[in-house]
Amino acid sequence: MSTAHLEIERKYLIKRPGEDILVQHGAKKYVIEQIYLPDRGEDTERIRKISIDRVTEYYHTVKKHVTDLTRIEKERRISRDEYERLKKLAGYPPMRIEKVRWRLPYGGVCIELDIYPFWHKTAIAEVELAGEDERVVFPDFVRIIREVTHEKQYSNRALAELLRDGKISEPEF
């Protein structure tokens, strides 16, 4: 079954936090592989494999751009076989990204901290909001470098493309 919802999200470049402090503050760890499928105009289509503890789930997602902060997201759970079939449509080499996502409940929202294996000093924090004007508050241990919501080069799709093309580098701050 497919579900669609409005995703309003702000994104921040942060100093990479230690795993120990995330665990201390109750963050939950997800290991994610994302593969982007060929362009569909303004839509972004991806498949995702998420491993939590010893359980792995697979998803197919289409995101339609509304504003820099807002997208319509349509997502459905898929089988491993469908994931493998769709993976073949991604081309070679695929636009693929791996990350460890830490989900941290804080101040009535869930902060998602994405730790990438190709960055050692920085990470990305994403927060889904109820409205575009909602204020975001972070715990003291999350060190914000700057908001990057409007900087497309920090989208996972753009990072996957840079990684595929061998052009990925750590952001300067």
Protein backbone atom coordinates (compact mmCIF):
# COMPACT_ATOMS: atom_id res chain seq x y z
CA MET A 1 0.00 0.00 0.00
CA SER A 2 1.27 3.44 -0.92
CA THR A 3 0.99 6.44 1.36
CA ALA A 4 1.36 10.08 0.33
CA HIS A 5 2.03 12.98 2.64
CA LEU A 6 3.32 16.53 2.61
CA GLU A 7 6.94 16.67 3.77
CA ILE A 8 8.09 20.04 5.11
CA GLU A 9 11.75 19.76 6.00
CA ARG A 10 14.71 21.93 6.97
CA LYS A 11 18.25 20.69 6.51
CA TYR A 12 21.43 21.74 8.35
CA LEU A 13 25.13 21.11 7.94
CA ILE A 14 26.43 20.17 11.40
CA LYS A 15 29.65 19.12 13.07
CA ARG A 16 29.65 15.33 13.17
CA PRO A 17 28.57 14.16 16.64
CA GLY A 18 30.04 11.11 18.33
CA GLU A 19 27.98 7.92 18.37
CA ASP A 20 28.28 7.69 22.15
CA ILE A 21 26.54 11.04 22.75
CA LEU A 22 23.74 10.08 20.35
CA VAL A 23 23.17 6.82 22.24
CA GLN A 24 23.23 8.70 25.58
CA HIS A 25 20.43 10.97 24.34
CA GLY A 26 18.21 8.12 23.15
CA ALA A 27 18.85 8.29 19.40
CA LYS A 28 18.00 5.17 17.39
CA LYS A 29 20.35 3.92 14.66
CA TYR A 30 19.28 3.04 11.10
CA VAL A 31 21.66 1.86 8.38
CA ILE A 32 20.42 3.08 4.99
CA GLU A 33 21.28 2.40 1.36
CA GLN A 34 19.54 4.73 -1.12
CA ILE A 35 19.61 4.32 -4.88
CA TYR A 36 18.20 6.97 -7.18
CA LEU A 37 16.33 5.93 -10.30
CA PRO A 38 16.50 7.91 -13.58
CA ASP A 39 15.03 11.43 -13.60
CA ARG A 40 11.27 11.90 -13.83
CA GLY A 41 11.16 15.62 -14.55
CA GLU A 42 10.73 17.48 -11.26
CA ASP A 43 10.07 14.25 -9.35
CA THR A 44 12.80 12.33 -7.55
CA GLU A 45 12.43 8.55 -7.43
CA ARG A 46 14.46 6.30 -5.17
CA ILE A 47 14.59 2.90 -3.56
CA ARG A 48 15.80 2.45 -0.04
CA LYS A 49 17.03 -0.43 2.09
CA ILE A 50 16.81 0.26 5.83
CA SER A 51 18.36 -2.02 8.44
CA ILE A 52 17.36 -1.58 12.08
CA ASP A 53 19.06 -4.00 14.43
CA ARG A 54 18.64 -7.30 12.55
CA VAL A 55 15.56 -6.34 10.52
CA THR A 56 15.76 -5.04 6.94
CA GLU A 57 12.92 -3.28 5.12
CA TYR A 58 12.70 -1.99 1.54
CA TYR A 59 10.88 1.10 0.21
CA HIS A 60 10.11 2.81 -3.08
CA THR A 61 9.61 6.59 -2.84
CA VAL A 62 8.65 9.36 -5.26
CA LYS A 63 9.06 12.97 -4.12
CA LYS A 64 7.44 15.84 -5.99
CA HIS A 65 8.95 19.30 -5.48
CA VAL A 66 6.51 21.96 -4.19
CA THR A 67 8.92 24.52 -2.64
CA ASP A 68 12.52 24.34 -1.37
CA LEU A 69 11.11 23.22 1.99
CA THR A 70 8.06 21.24 0.89
CA ARG A 71 7.56 18.08 -1.14
CA ILE A 72 4.77 15.62 -1.70
CA GLU A 73 6.18 12.25 -0.74
CA LYS A 74 4.60 9.02 -1.91
CA GLU A 75 6.15 5.94 -0.33
CA ARG A 76 5.41 2.24 -0.30
CA ARG A 77 7.05 -0.76 1.25
CA ILE A 78 8.37 -3.25 -1.32
CA SER A 79 9.81 -6.75 -1.28
CA ARG A 80 13.52 -7.51 -1.52
CA ASP A 81 12.87 -8.98 -4.99
CA GLU A 82 11.22 -5.74 -6.17
CA TYR A 83 14.10 -3.75 -4.66
CA GLU A 84 16.61 -5.84 -6.62
CA ARG A 85 14.54 -5.49 -9.81
CA LEU A 86 14.27 -1.70 -9.46
CA LYS A 87 17.97 -1.49 -8.60
CA LYS A 88 18.76 -2.76 -12.10
CA LEU A 89 16.90 0.25 -13.57
CA ALA A 90 19.26 2.67 -11.81
CA GLY A 91 21.99 2.32 -14.41
CA TYR A 92 25.66 1.61 -13.89
CA PRO A 93 27.24 2.87 -11.85
CA PRO A 94 24.12 3.74 -9.88
CA MET A 95 23.57 6.98 -7.99
CA ARG A 96 23.87 5.29 -4.61
CA ILE A 97 24.52 6.57 -1.14
CA GLU A 98 25.00 4.81 2.18
CA LYS A 99 24.55 6.50 5.52
CA VAL A 100 23.84 5.87 9.15
CA ARG A 101 20.77 7.79 10.25
CA TRP A 102 20.27 8.55 13.91
CA ARG A 103 16.70 9.49 14.83
CA LEU A 104 16.69 11.72 17.88
CA PRO A 105 13.42 12.77 19.54
CA TYR A 106 13.80 16.33 20.82
CA GLY A 107 11.44 19.21 21.57
CA GLY A 108 8.38 17.54 20.07
CA VAL A 109 10.06 16.69 16.74
CA CYS A 110 12.35 13.97 15.46
CA ILE A 111 15.77 15.20 14.37
CA GLU A 112 17.39 12.92 11.80
CA LEU A 113 21.18 13.03 11.84
CA ASP A 114 22.77 11.53 8.72
CA ILE A 115 26.34 10.34 9.13
CA TYR A 116 28.10 9.62 5.82
CA PRO A 117 31.19 7.40 5.50
CA PHE A 118 32.85 9.91 3.13
CA TRP A 119 32.69 12.84 5.59
CA HIS A 120 34.62 12.71 8.86
CA LYS A 121 34.01 16.16 10.38
CA THR A 122 30.50 17.02 9.20
CA ALA A 123 27.03 15.50 8.91
CA ILE A 124 23.52 16.55 7.92
CA ALA A 125 20.59 17.14 10.29
CA GLU A 126 17.05 17.11 8.92
CA VAL A 127 13.89 18.11 10.75
CA GLU A 128 10.35 17.54 9.46
CA LEU A 129 8.03 20.37 10.46
CA ALA A 130 4.30 21.05 10.63
CA GLY A 131 4.71 24.31 8.68
CA GLU A 132 7.37 26.21 6.72
CA ASP A 133 7.54 28.94 9.39
CA GLU A 134 7.99 26.58 12.34
CA ARG A 135 11.07 27.31 14.45
CA VAL A 136 13.69 24.57 14.87
CA VAL A 137 15.50 24.02 18.17
CA PHE A 138 18.43 21.63 18.60
CA PRO A 139 20.01 20.12 21.71
CA ASP A 140 23.29 21.75 22.80
CA PHE A 141 25.43 18.84 21.59
CA VAL A 142 24.27 19.30 17.96
CA ARG A 143 26.62 21.96 16.59
CA ILE A 144 25.02 23.76 13.65
CA ILE A 145 27.41 25.08 10.99
CA ARG A 146 24.64 26.53 8.81
CA GLU A 147 21.24 25.84 7.29
CA VAL A 148 21.52 24.19 3.86
CA THR A 149 17.83 23.70 3.05
CA HIS A 150 18.15 25.86 -0.08
CA GLU A 151 21.52 24.41 -1.19
CA LYS A 152 20.77 21.55 -3.59
CA GLN A 153 24.31 20.18 -3.40
CA TYR A 154 23.42 18.88 0.08
CA SER A 155 20.47 16.78 -1.11
CA ASN A 156 21.08 13.05 -0.86
CA ARG A 157 20.52 12.77 -4.61
CA ALA A 158 23.22 15.37 -5.33
CA LEU A 159 25.61 13.69 -2.88
CA ALA A 160 24.95 10.31 -4.54
CA GLU A 161 25.72 11.83 -7.95
CA LEU A 162 28.97 13.41 -6.70
CA LEU A 163 29.95 10.12 -5.08
CA ARG A 164 29.23 8.19 -8.30
CA ASP A 165 31.32 10.66 -10.30
CA GLY A 166 34.21 10.59 -7.81
CA LYS A 167 33.79 14.30 -6.98
CA ILE A 168 32.69 14.10 -3.34
CA SER A 169 34.56 16.22 -0.78
CA GLU A 170 34.05 17.29 2.80
CA PRO A 171 32.41 20.71 3.22
CA GLU A 172 34.64 23.52 4.50
CA PHE A 173 33.57 25.46 7.59
